[in-house]
Amino acid sequence: MPPPPSNEQAVIYVGAASLSMVIGSTTEKGSFAEIEHLDRPLPLARDIFRTGTVSRGTLEQAAAILRDFLLSTREYGMSPDSIRLYTTNILTEAANHEIFLNRLQVGTGLTARVIDDGDMTRLVYQIARRLLDKQPRLAEGRTFVSHIGPGNTRALYFKQGRLAMYSNYRLGIFRAREAMAGLEGESSPHLAHLEEQIRGVVDHLAQDYAGYKFDHHVAIGAEIQSVAPLLATPRQGACRILESDLARFTEKIALLTPDELVRRLHVHYTGGEGIVPALQTNLALASRFGDDVVWVPEGDFQRELMQDLITERPRTDSFQEEVMQAACEIGVRYKTDRKHADHVAGFARQLFRELRHLHGLDARYELVLRVAAILHEVGMFISPREHHKHSLYILMQTEIFGLSTSERELVALLARYHRRYNPERGHPHFSDLDREARMIVFKLAALLRIADALDRSHAQRIKSILLRPEPGRLTILTPGVEDTTIEQIAIQSKCDIFREIYGYDIVLAQA
């Protein structure tokens, strides 16, 4: 007799050094109650950064672990729909990553989603944000947050609780470690060599943040969070570690053999490989910035990441505003018309919300549309002529804080189609999308074109609008503005997508 339906959910995460699964359920308040946690070593990062591919042995090992994990989910009576599979973003650096993903799908029936740089940045931000909420002194001051990951180093700078700066560098724990291992032909590169490897990213950080003053330094990451309780007692969700204590501890464990490290820190071999490089990198950052104290969040970094994935915690208003501020900074870099961009973004937001019954899109696409509105004219930095195409190129090459790669691509395509030519199947990047994603571009581009047309003069003549949907027509009322000839001409020349997608003509009228 089949087991009764289960209310539990599971997230499986193929990480840099292990393959993990959490099973649990969400409460009415949206928090997560963990029932079971499983973790098995997997040398994924070692393979990728040493040879550029995932070895056959690692592939077979991953498949076997996944089969065991799925047996555990069946014991809870879980259906495949309640199980999600994610992989670390470093997987895409493997030449055979598609083969690896296909093997996972064949073996499990689950389609894996790669957590890209934008996703990871958002998850790190959420961990930092929760720590700031627990530690008022960190939220009230100037707090520098570093995350040393397997392949990347991220930095976030908060000023009075608001994100003021963000950067991402292509150097991480395993990238540095395996580069030296490959050079020397040994598996345990000397500490001095690791210091040489991380000096470049430390120099970049020091240069990028030279004009910022720090009151506090927070270090986030799986390795440093795992050892932090050995150096300081957690209080209010964090360990306050003296830089001198961290230095002495790092020197001691750097002398341990792999077996001794495993026994001393109670980690598996693949996890233990990254601890010394991680601590040394954090130590180098603290030393360079003159930090006597390093704050480390309490808890298991990877498990917290997985819980965020399983609950899919909504993007809060404060986070969305952080994303918008980051987009505005990109706009400043490319000298866009800030007043026009803000005005278009405001209209786009209103159109999205009040016409939800027409487009039927999830709330997350509102943020994508707003960011596109802020950045739709960055291509003017290169040339006014065909600036929409230049905008596409710039945004495809620019990381936008808080947005995933797929979301950034949508932003770039919306900037491409905010004027003139309509999307076509043969257009670069648009042709790579599936049917559902192409329709999202059509729907959002239609809204962005209307929002842009309402400020055709770039003078913010129309301060506010009222929408009046009628059969076959959307009337947009413009309080206080009698002559809207310029805007009406712009709308008529750009609203063809809106008319085709939604079946409405658009008319401007005085309120």
Protein backbone atom coordinates (compact mmCIF):
# COMPACT_ATOMS: atom_id res chain seq x y z
CA MET A 1 0.00 0.00 0.00
CA PRO A 2 1.54 3.39 -1.00
CA PRO A 3 2.47 5.80 1.82
CA PRO A 4 0.16 8.76 2.49
CA PRO A 5 0.99 12.08 0.80
CA SER A 6 3.76 14.05 2.52
CA ASN A 7 3.85 17.75 3.41
CA GLU A 8 7.64 17.77 3.58
CA GLN A 9 9.92 19.39 1.02
CA ALA A 10 13.53 18.67 0.17
CA VAL A 11 16.40 20.59 -1.37
CA ILE A 12 19.43 18.77 -2.71
CA TYR A 13 22.54 20.90 -3.26
CA VAL A 14 25.58 19.81 -5.24
CA GLY A 15 28.23 21.98 -3.64
CA ALA A 16 31.93 22.60 -4.18
CA ALA A 17 33.08 19.94 -1.71
CA SER A 18 29.98 17.97 -0.78
CA LEU A 19 26.51 16.91 -1.84
CA SER A 20 23.86 17.80 0.75
CA MET A 21 20.14 17.46 1.32
CA VAL A 22 17.75 19.02 3.82
CA ILE A 23 14.23 17.75 4.40
CA GLY A 24 11.72 19.82 6.28
CA SER A 25 8.57 21.88 6.13
CA THR A 26 7.69 25.54 6.22
CA THR A 27 5.61 27.01 9.02
CA GLU A 28 2.67 29.35 8.60
CA LYS A 29 5.02 32.29 9.27
CA GLY A 30 7.35 31.17 6.49
CA SER A 31 10.16 29.87 8.71
CA PHE A 32 11.72 26.47 8.08
CA ALA A 33 11.56 23.43 10.36
CA GLU A 34 14.32 20.99 9.47
CA ILE A 35 13.59 17.29 9.87
CA GLU A 36 16.71 15.71 8.42
CA HIS A 37 20.06 16.79 7.02
CA LEU A 38 22.40 14.58 5.00
CA ASP A 39 25.86 15.51 3.74
CA ARG A 40 28.35 13.45 1.69
CA PRO A 41 31.82 14.50 0.44
CA LEU A 42 32.19 15.20 -3.28
CA PRO A 43 35.44 16.65 -4.75
CA LEU A 44 33.71 18.77 -7.39
CA ALA A 45 35.80 21.94 -6.98
CA ARG A 46 39.03 19.95 -6.87
CA ASP A 47 38.22 18.44 -10.27
CA ILE A 48 37.06 21.66 -11.88
CA PHE A 49 39.88 23.96 -10.80
CA ARG A 50 42.60 21.36 -11.29
CA THR A 51 41.59 19.78 -14.61
CA GLY A 52 38.75 21.90 -15.99
CA THR A 53 36.33 18.96 -16.03
CA VAL A 54 34.33 16.80 -13.65
CA SER A 55 36.04 13.40 -13.52
CA ARG A 56 34.15 10.22 -14.30
CA GLY A 57 34.71 9.04 -10.74
CA THR A 58 33.16 12.19 -9.28
CA LEU A 59 30.23 11.93 -11.68
CA GLU A 60 29.56 8.34 -10.64
CA GLN A 61 29.95 9.28 -6.98
CA ALA A 62 27.41 12.10 -7.33
CA ALA A 63 24.92 9.79 -9.04
CA ALA A 64 25.27 7.18 -6.28
CA ILE A 65 24.79 9.75 -3.51
CA LEU A 66 21.70 11.11 -5.21
CA ARG A 67 20.18 7.65 -5.44
CA ASP A 68 20.69 7.22 -1.68
CA PHE A 69 19.16 10.63 -0.99
CA LEU A 70 16.09 9.82 -3.05
CA LEU A 71 15.59 6.62 -1.07
CA SER A 72 15.42 8.79 2.07
CA THR A 73 12.77 11.02 0.50
CA ARG A 74 10.65 7.99 -0.37
CA GLU A 75 10.67 6.98 3.29
CA TYR A 76 8.85 10.24 3.96
CA GLY A 77 6.39 9.55 1.15
CA MET A 78 7.64 12.55 -0.82
CA SER A 79 6.78 13.00 -4.49
CA PRO A 80 9.32 14.26 -7.06
CA ASP A 81 7.40 17.57 -7.19
CA SER A 82 8.44 18.31 -3.62
CA ILE A 83 12.16 17.81 -4.29
CA ARG A 84 14.39 20.47 -5.84
CA LEU A 85 17.93 20.02 -7.09
CA TYR A 86 20.50 22.83 -7.23
CA THR A 87 24.19 22.94 -8.11
CA THR A 88 26.99 25.36 -7.27
CA ASN A 89 27.73 28.08 -9.79
CA ILE A 90 31.32 26.85 -10.27
CA LEU A 91 29.95 23.83 -12.15
CA THR A 92 29.54 25.95 -15.29
CA GLU A 93 33.34 26.29 -15.44
CA ALA A 94 33.66 22.57 -16.16
CA ALA A 95 33.95 21.74 -19.86
CA ASN A 96 31.62 18.77 -19.37
CA HIS A 97 29.09 20.45 -17.06
CA GLU A 98 26.18 19.71 -19.42
CA ILE A 99 27.06 16.02 -19.40
CA PHE A 100 27.17 16.13 -15.61
CA LEU A 101 23.76 17.83 -15.39
CA ASN A 102 22.26 15.39 -17.88
CA ARG A 103 23.57 12.43 -15.88
CA LEU A 104 21.93 13.81 -12.73
CA GLN A 105 18.63 14.23 -14.55
CA VAL A 106 18.73 10.73 -16.05
CA GLY A 107 19.54 9.21 -12.67
CA THR A 108 16.98 11.15 -10.62
CA GLY A 109 14.32 12.49 -12.96
CA LEU A 110 15.04 15.92 -11.47
CA THR A 111 16.16 18.92 -13.49
CA ALA A 112 19.01 20.68 -11.74
CA ARG A 113 19.17 24.46 -11.53
CA VAL A 114 22.59 26.07 -11.37
CA ILE A 115 22.87 28.77 -8.72
CA ASP A 116 24.64 31.52 -10.62
CA ASP A 117 26.63 34.50 -9.32
CA GLY A 118 23.54 36.67 -9.00
CA ASP A 119 21.70 34.02 -6.99
CA MET A 120 24.68 33.50 -4.67
CA THR A 121 25.07 37.23 -4.12
CA ARG A 122 21.41 37.46 -3.11
CA LEU A 123 21.79 34.53 -0.71
CA VAL A 124 24.92 36.05 0.86
CA TYR A 125 23.12 39.36 1.19
CA GLN A 126 20.24 37.66 3.01
CA ILE A 127 22.62 36.06 5.51
CA ALA A 128 24.33 39.41 6.08
CA ARG A 129 20.99 41.18 6.41
CA ARG A 130 19.79 38.76 9.09
CA LEU A 131 23.02 39.26 11.04
CA LEU A 132 22.65 43.03 10.91
CA ASP A 133 19.10 42.66 12.22
CA LYS A 134 20.42 40.68 15.21
CA GLN A 135 23.39 42.98 15.88
CA PRO A 136 22.27 46.64 16.07
CA ARG A 137 25.84 47.93 16.31
CA LEU A 138 26.64 46.35 12.93
CA ALA A 139 23.51 47.81 11.37
CA GLU A 140 24.10 51.29 12.78
CA GLY A 141 27.75 51.51 11.76
CA ARG A 142 29.83 51.14 8.62
CA THR A 143 30.10 47.40 8.07
CA PHE A 144 32.25 45.63 5.50
CA VAL A 145 31.06 42.08 4.64
CA SER A 146 33.30 39.60 2.82
CA HIS A 147 32.32 36.21 1.46
CA ILE A 148 35.12 33.88 0.42
CA GLY A 149 33.51 31.27 -1.79
CA PRO A 150 34.91 28.30 -3.75
CA GLY A 151 35.59 30.32 -6.89
CA ASN A 152 34.70 33.94 -6.10
CA THR A 153 35.20 36.56 -3.41
CA ARG A 154 32.32 38.94 -2.76
CA ALA A 155 32.30 42.15 -0.78
CA LEU A 156 29.33 44.17 0.46
CA TYR A 157 29.60 47.49 2.28
CA PHE A 158 26.70 48.60 4.49
CA LYS A 159 26.33 52.12 5.81
CA GLN A 160 23.72 52.52 8.54
CA GLY A 161 22.07 49.29 7.44
CA ARG A 162 21.89 50.15 3.73
CA LEU A 163 24.01 48.61 1.00
CA ALA A 164 26.38 51.29 -0.30
CA MET A 165 28.86 49.23 -2.35
CA TYR A 166 29.17 45.76 -3.83
CA SER A 167 31.91 43.95 -5.74
CA ASN A 168 32.71 40.45 -6.99
CA TYR A 169 36.18 39.04 -7.72
CA ARG A 170 37.18 35.91 -9.56
CA LEU A 171 39.26 34.27 -6.87
CA GLY A 172 38.15 31.90 -4.16
CA ILE A 173 39.25 29.14 -1.85
CA PHE A 174 39.47 26.23 -4.26
CA ARG A 175 40.45 28.32 -7.27
CA ALA A 176 43.57 29.51 -5.42
CA ARG A 177 44.32 26.15 -3.81
CA GLU A 178 44.05 24.05 -6.95
CA ALA A 179 45.99 26.58 -9.02
CA MET A 180 48.94 26.05 -6.69
CA ALA A 181 48.40 22.29 -6.48
CA GLY A 182 48.47 22.06 -10.26
CA LEU A 183 51.61 24.18 -10.42
CA GLU A 184 53.56 22.27 -7.80
CA GLY A 185 52.13 18.82 -8.37
CA GLU A 186 51.17 18.44 -4.74
CA SER A 187 47.86 18.37 -2.95
CA SER A 188 48.83 20.60 0.01
CA PRO A 189 50.34 23.82 -1.31
CA HIS A 190 52.39 25.83 1.18
CA LEU A 191 50.74 28.71 3.00
CA ALA A 192 53.15 31.21 1.46
CA HIS A 193 52.02 30.21 -2.01
CA LEU A 194 48.40 30.71 -1.06
CA GLU A 195 49.24 34.16 0.28
CA GLU A 196 50.74 34.99 -3.10
CA GLN A 197 47.60 33.78 -4.87
CA ILE A 198 45.20 35.86 -2.77
CA ARG A 199 47.31 39.03 -2.80
CA GLY A 200 45.80 40.08 -6.11
CA VAL A 201 42.20 40.07 -4.92
CA VAL A 202 43.17 41.72 -1.62
CA ASP A 203 44.88 44.48 -3.56
CA HIS A 204 41.75 44.94 -5.69
CA LEU A 205 39.57 45.16 -2.60
CA ALA A 206 41.92 47.62 -0.96
CA GLN A 207 41.83 49.80 -4.06
CA ASP A 208 38.08 49.61 -4.60
CA TYR A 209 37.28 50.38 -0.96
CA ALA A 210 40.09 52.87 -0.33
CA GLY A 211 37.63 55.73 0.11
CA TYR A 212 35.40 53.89 2.60
CA LYS A 213 35.79 53.84 6.37
CA PHE A 214 34.98 50.61 8.25
CA ASP A 215 33.69 50.22 11.78
CA HIS A 216 33.13 46.47 11.53
CA HIS A 217 34.24 43.54 9.38
CA VAL A 218 31.93 40.53 8.90
CA ALA A 219 33.30 37.34 7.34
CA ILE A 220 30.78 34.93 5.79
CA GLY A 221 31.55 31.49 4.40
CA ALA A 222 31.20 27.77 5.04
CA GLU A 223 34.77 27.29 6.27
CA ILE A 224 35.17 30.24 8.63
CA GLN A 225 31.67 29.72 10.04
CA SER A 226 32.52 26.08 10.80
CA VAL A 227 35.54 26.99 12.94
CA ALA A 228 34.27 30.24 14.47
CA PRO A 229 32.70 28.56 17.57
CA LEU A 230 36.16 27.14 18.39
CA LEU A 231 37.50 30.69 18.68
CA ALA A 232 34.63 32.60 20.33
CA THR A 233 31.29 31.91 21.99
CA PRO A 234 28.38 32.91 19.73
CA ARG A 235 26.22 35.76 21.04
CA GLN A 236 23.21 37.32 19.29
CA GLY A 237 23.82 35.21 16.21
CA ALA A 238 27.54 35.95 15.78
CA CYS A 239 31.05 35.09 16.96
CA ARG A 240 33.30 38.07 17.69
CA ILE A 241 36.82 36.84 16.88
CA LEU A 242 40.05 38.69 17.58
CA GLU A 243 42.30 38.92 14.54
CA SER A 244 45.24 37.74 16.65
CA ASP A 245 43.32 34.61 17.74
CA LEU A 246 42.38 33.86 14.15
CA ALA A 247 46.03 34.23 13.09
CA ARG A 248 47.30 31.81 15.76
CA PHE A 249 44.58 29.27 14.96
CA THR A 250 45.31 29.43 11.23
CA GLU A 251 49.03 28.93 11.79
CA LYS A 252 48.37 25.83 13.90
CA ILE A 253 45.96 24.05 11.57
CA ALA A 254 48.13 24.87 8.54
CA LEU A 255 50.72 22.49 10.03
CA LEU A 256 48.27 19.61 10.38
CA THR A 257 48.18 16.69 7.99
CA PRO A 258 44.87 16.04 6.16
CA ASP A 259 44.10 13.18 8.57
CA GLU A 260 44.83 15.35 11.60
CA LEU A 261 42.68 18.15 10.17
CA VAL A 262 39.73 15.81 9.69
CA ARG A 263 40.02 14.48 13.26
CA ARG A 264 40.59 17.90 14.84
CA LEU A 265 37.80 19.78 13.10
CA HIS A 266 35.37 16.88 12.51
CA VAL A 267 35.10 17.52 8.77
CA HIS A 268 35.37 15.22 5.76
CA TYR A 269 38.46 15.34 3.56
CA THR A 270 37.03 17.38 0.71
CA GLY A 271 35.60 19.91 3.15
CA GLY A 272 38.84 20.12 5.08
CA GLU A 273 40.81 21.00 1.93
CA GLY A 274 39.33 24.47 1.81
CA ILE A 275 39.61 25.48 5.46
CA VAL A 276 43.22 26.73 5.52
CA PRO A 277 42.90 28.75 2.28
CA ALA A 278 39.62 30.24 3.52
CA LEU A 279 41.02 31.29 6.88
CA GLN A 280 44.19 32.65 5.29
CA THR A 281 42.17 34.72 2.81
CA ASN A 282 39.95 36.14 5.55
CA LEU A 283 43.03 36.86 7.64
CA ALA A 284 44.71 38.68 4.76
CA LEU A 285 41.64 40.87 4.29
CA ALA A 286 41.40 41.68 8.00
CA SER A 287 45.11 42.48 8.16
CA ARG A 288 45.03 44.68 5.04
CA PHE A 289 42.12 46.74 6.39
CA GLY A 290 43.53 46.93 9.91
CA ASP A 291 40.64 45.08 11.54
CA ASP A 292 41.36 43.89 15.07
CA VAL A 293 38.04 42.03 15.23
CA VAL A 294 36.17 39.90 12.71
CA TRP A 295 32.47 39.09 13.15
CA VAL A 296 31.30 35.70 11.87
CA PRO A 297 27.61 34.67 11.63
CA GLU A 298 26.59 31.73 13.79
CA GLY A 299 25.40 28.60 12.00
CA ASP A 300 26.10 26.36 9.04
CA PHE A 301 26.49 28.47 5.89
CA GLN A 302 25.48 25.75 3.44
CA ARG A 303 22.46 24.62 5.45
CA GLU A 304 21.26 28.19 5.77
CA LEU A 305 21.70 28.65 2.03
CA MET A 306 19.64 25.51 1.39
CA GLN A 307 16.91 26.65 3.76
CA ASP A 308 16.68 29.91 1.85
CA LEU A 309 16.29 27.89 -1.33
CA ILE A 310 13.63 25.59 0.09
CA THR A 311 11.49 28.42 1.46
CA GLU A 312 12.21 30.73 -1.48
CA ARG A 313 11.95 33.62 0.91
CA PRO A 314 10.41 36.53 -0.93
CA ARG A 315 12.54 39.48 -1.87
CA THR A 316 11.72 42.08 0.74
CA ASP A 317 11.00 45.69 -0.11
CA SER A 318 14.34 46.69 1.40
CA PHE A 319 16.20 44.19 -0.78
CA GLN A 320 14.41 45.37 -3.91
CA GLU A 321 15.41 48.93 -3.12
CA GLU A 322 19.03 47.77 -2.71
CA VAL A 323 18.82 46.26 -6.19
CA MET A 324 17.34 49.47 -7.57
CA GLN A 325 20.08 51.55 -5.95
CA ALA A 326 22.71 49.29 -7.48
CA ALA A 327 21.04 49.72 -10.87
CA CYS A 328 21.09 53.49 -10.39
CA GLU A 329 24.84 53.32 -9.73
CA ILE A 330 25.29 51.53 -13.05
CA GLY A 331 23.23 54.28 -14.67
CA VAL A 332 25.52 56.92 -13.16
CA ARG A 333 28.55 55.05 -14.52
CA TYR A 334 27.09 55.31 -18.04
CA LYS A 335 25.85 58.89 -17.58
CA THR A 336 22.14 58.19 -18.13
CA ASP A 337 19.41 60.80 -17.56
CA ARG A 338 18.58 59.93 -13.92
CA LYS A 339 15.35 61.97 -13.72
CA HIS A 340 14.00 60.38 -16.89
CA ALA A 341 15.00 56.89 -15.77
CA ASP A 342 13.36 57.30 -12.36
CA HIS A 343 10.20 58.66 -13.96
CA VAL A 344 9.96 55.79 -16.43
CA ALA A 345 10.59 53.28 -13.64
CA GLY A 346 7.74 54.77 -11.62
CA PHE A 347 5.31 54.53 -14.52
CA ALA A 348 6.49 50.99 -15.33
CA ARG A 349 5.86 49.89 -11.76
CA GLN A 350 2.34 51.32 -11.80
CA LEU A 351 1.54 49.73 -15.15
CA PHE A 352 2.81 46.35 -13.96
CA ARG A 353 0.77 46.41 -10.76
CA GLU A 354 -2.49 47.75 -12.16
CA LEU A 355 -2.43 45.58 -15.28
CA ARG A 356 -1.56 42.33 -13.52
CA HIS A 357 -4.90 40.90 -14.65
CA LEU A 358 -3.66 41.29 -18.23
CA HIS A 359 -0.04 40.10 -18.08
CA GLY A 360 -0.44 37.48 -15.32
CA LEU A 361 3.26 37.60 -14.37
CA ASP A 362 4.77 36.84 -10.97
CA ALA A 363 5.72 39.74 -8.73
CA ARG A 364 9.45 39.03 -9.25
CA TYR A 365 9.19 40.36 -12.80
CA GLU A 366 8.19 43.76 -11.46
CA LEU A 367 11.75 44.19 -10.21
CA VAL A 368 13.15 43.11 -13.58
CA LEU A 369 10.95 45.70 -15.31
CA ARG A 370 11.95 48.48 -12.90
CA VAL A 371 15.65 47.75 -13.34
CA ALA A 372 15.22 47.73 -17.13
CA ALA A 373 13.48 51.10 -16.90
CA ILE A 374 16.41 52.55 -14.95
CA LEU A 375 18.98 51.20 -17.41
CA HIS A 376 17.20 51.26 -20.77
CA GLU A 377 19.36 54.10 -22.09
CA VAL A 378 22.85 53.06 -20.95
CA GLY A 379 23.72 52.51 -24.62
CA MET A 380 23.66 56.29 -25.14
CA PHE A 381 27.09 56.23 -23.50
CA ILE A 382 28.44 54.63 -26.68
CA SER A 383 26.26 56.41 -29.25
CA PRO A 384 22.71 57.79 -29.55
CA ARG A 385 22.48 55.96 -32.87
CA GLU A 386 20.97 52.51 -32.26
CA HIS A 387 21.57 52.99 -28.56
CA HIS A 388 19.10 50.19 -27.80
CA LYS A 389 21.56 47.69 -29.30
CA HIS A 390 24.43 49.22 -27.34
CA SER A 391 22.31 48.91 -24.18
CA LEU A 392 21.89 45.20 -24.86
CA TYR A 393 25.63 44.70 -25.18
CA ILE A 394 26.51 46.69 -22.06
CA LEU A 395 23.93 45.00 -19.85
CA MET A 396 24.79 41.50 -21.06
CA GLN A 397 28.33 42.17 -19.82
CA THR A 398 27.41 43.89 -16.54
CA GLU A 399 26.61 42.13 -13.29
CA ILE A 400 23.59 43.68 -11.58
CA PHE A 401 23.52 43.18 -7.83
CA GLY A 402 20.74 40.87 -6.68
CA LEU A 403 19.70 39.63 -10.12
CA SER A 404 20.40 36.17 -11.50
CA THR A 405 21.98 35.71 -14.91
CA SER A 406 18.60 34.94 -16.49
CA GLU A 407 17.05 38.04 -14.92
CA ARG A 408 19.93 40.20 -16.11
CA GLU A 409 19.42 38.83 -19.63
CA LEU A 410 15.76 39.84 -19.46
CA VAL A 411 16.80 43.35 -18.39
CA ALA A 412 19.22 43.56 -21.32
CA LEU A 413 16.58 42.39 -23.80
CA LEU A 414 14.01 44.83 -22.47
CA ALA A 415 16.51 47.65 -22.98
CA ARG A 416 17.06 46.30 -26.50
CA TYR A 417 13.34 46.40 -27.28
CA HIS A 418 12.26 49.58 -25.50
CA ARG A 419 12.07 51.30 -28.89
CA ARG A 420 11.60 50.68 -32.57
CA TYR A 421 12.16 47.08 -33.66
CA ASN A 422 10.09 44.27 -32.20
CA PRO A 423 11.61 41.01 -30.96
CA GLU A 424 12.24 38.40 -33.65
CA ARG A 425 13.19 34.74 -33.34
CA GLY A 426 16.49 35.30 -35.13
CA HIS A 427 17.74 38.11 -32.88
CA PRO A 428 20.84 37.33 -30.77
CA HIS A 429 20.05 36.30 -27.18
CA PHE A 430 16.28 36.47 -27.78
CA SER A 431 16.57 33.40 -29.99
CA ASP A 432 18.17 31.49 -27.09
CA LEU A 433 15.06 31.82 -24.92
CA ASP A 434 12.31 29.23 -24.67
CA ARG A 435 8.74 30.13 -25.62
CA GLU A 436 7.70 31.11 -22.11
CA ALA A 437 10.67 33.45 -21.65
CA ARG A 438 10.08 35.04 -25.06
CA MET A 439 6.48 35.83 -24.07
CA ILE A 440 7.73 37.43 -20.86
CA VAL A 441 9.97 39.70 -22.93
CA PHE A 442 7.01 40.66 -25.14
CA LYS A 443 4.76 41.40 -22.16
CA LEU A 444 7.31 43.46 -20.25
CA ALA A 445 8.62 45.29 -23.32
CA ALA A 446 5.06 46.40 -24.08
CA LEU A 447 4.80 47.96 -20.61
CA LEU A 448 8.26 49.55 -20.77
CA ARG A 449 7.50 51.18 -24.12
CA ILE A 450 4.38 52.82 -22.73
CA ALA A 451 6.21 54.01 -19.61
CA ASP A 452 9.01 55.45 -21.75
CA ALA A 453 6.59 57.16 -24.12
CA LEU A 454 4.88 58.91 -21.19
CA ASP A 455 8.12 60.85 -20.67
CA ARG A 456 9.00 61.24 -24.33
CA SER A 457 10.21 64.81 -23.78
CA HIS A 458 12.50 63.82 -20.87
CA ALA A 459 10.98 66.79 -19.03
CA GLN A 460 8.64 64.89 -16.66
CA ARG A 461 5.65 66.89 -17.92
CA ILE A 462 3.26 64.12 -16.89
CA LYS A 463 3.63 63.84 -13.13
CA SER A 464 1.11 61.07 -12.53
CA ILE A 465 -1.31 58.83 -14.40
CA LEU A 466 -4.63 57.07 -13.81
CA LEU A 467 -5.48 53.90 -15.70
CA ARG A 468 -9.01 53.23 -16.99
CA PRO A 469 -9.27 49.83 -18.74
CA GLU A 470 -12.27 49.68 -21.08
CA PRO A 471 -13.37 47.07 -23.64
CA GLY A 472 -10.66 47.04 -26.30
CA ARG A 473 -9.04 50.21 -24.99
CA LEU A 474 -6.81 51.40 -22.16
CA THR A 475 -7.33 55.05 -21.36
CA ILE A 476 -4.48 56.73 -19.51
CA LEU A 477 -5.55 59.89 -17.73
CA THR A 478 -2.93 62.61 -17.23
CA PRO A 479 -4.01 64.95 -14.40
CA GLY A 480 -2.89 68.54 -14.88
CA VAL A 481 -1.60 68.08 -18.44
CA GLU A 482 -3.85 69.21 -21.29
CA ASP A 483 -1.59 68.89 -24.34
CA THR A 484 -0.21 65.35 -24.59
CA THR A 485 0.38 65.41 -28.33
CA ILE A 486 4.07 64.47 -28.05
CA GLU A 487 3.35 61.58 -25.72
CA GLN A 488 0.38 60.34 -27.77
CA ILE A 489 2.49 60.27 -30.94
CA ALA A 490 5.19 58.35 -29.08
CA ILE A 491 2.67 55.85 -27.74
CA GLN A 492 1.10 55.28 -31.12
CA SER A 493 4.50 54.60 -32.64
CA LYS A 494 5.51 52.18 -29.86
CA CYS A 495 2.32 50.50 -28.65
CA ASP A 496 2.04 47.92 -31.40
CA ILE A 497 3.38 45.19 -29.09
CA PHE A 498 0.89 46.19 -26.40
CA ARG A 499 -1.96 46.03 -28.88
CA GLU A 500 -0.87 42.63 -30.21
CA ILE A 501 -0.18 41.05 -26.81
CA TYR A 502 -3.03 42.49 -24.76
CA GLY A 503 -5.57 43.42 -27.43
CA TYR A 504 -5.94 47.04 -26.25
CA ASP A 505 -5.46 50.37 -27.96
CA ILE A 506 -4.04 53.14 -25.77
CA VAL A 507 -5.50 56.63 -25.55
CA LEU A 508 -4.26 59.55 -23.47
CA ALA A 509 -6.84 61.90 -21.97
CA GLN A 510 -6.94 64.69 -19.43
CA ALA A 511 -8.31 63.71 -16.06
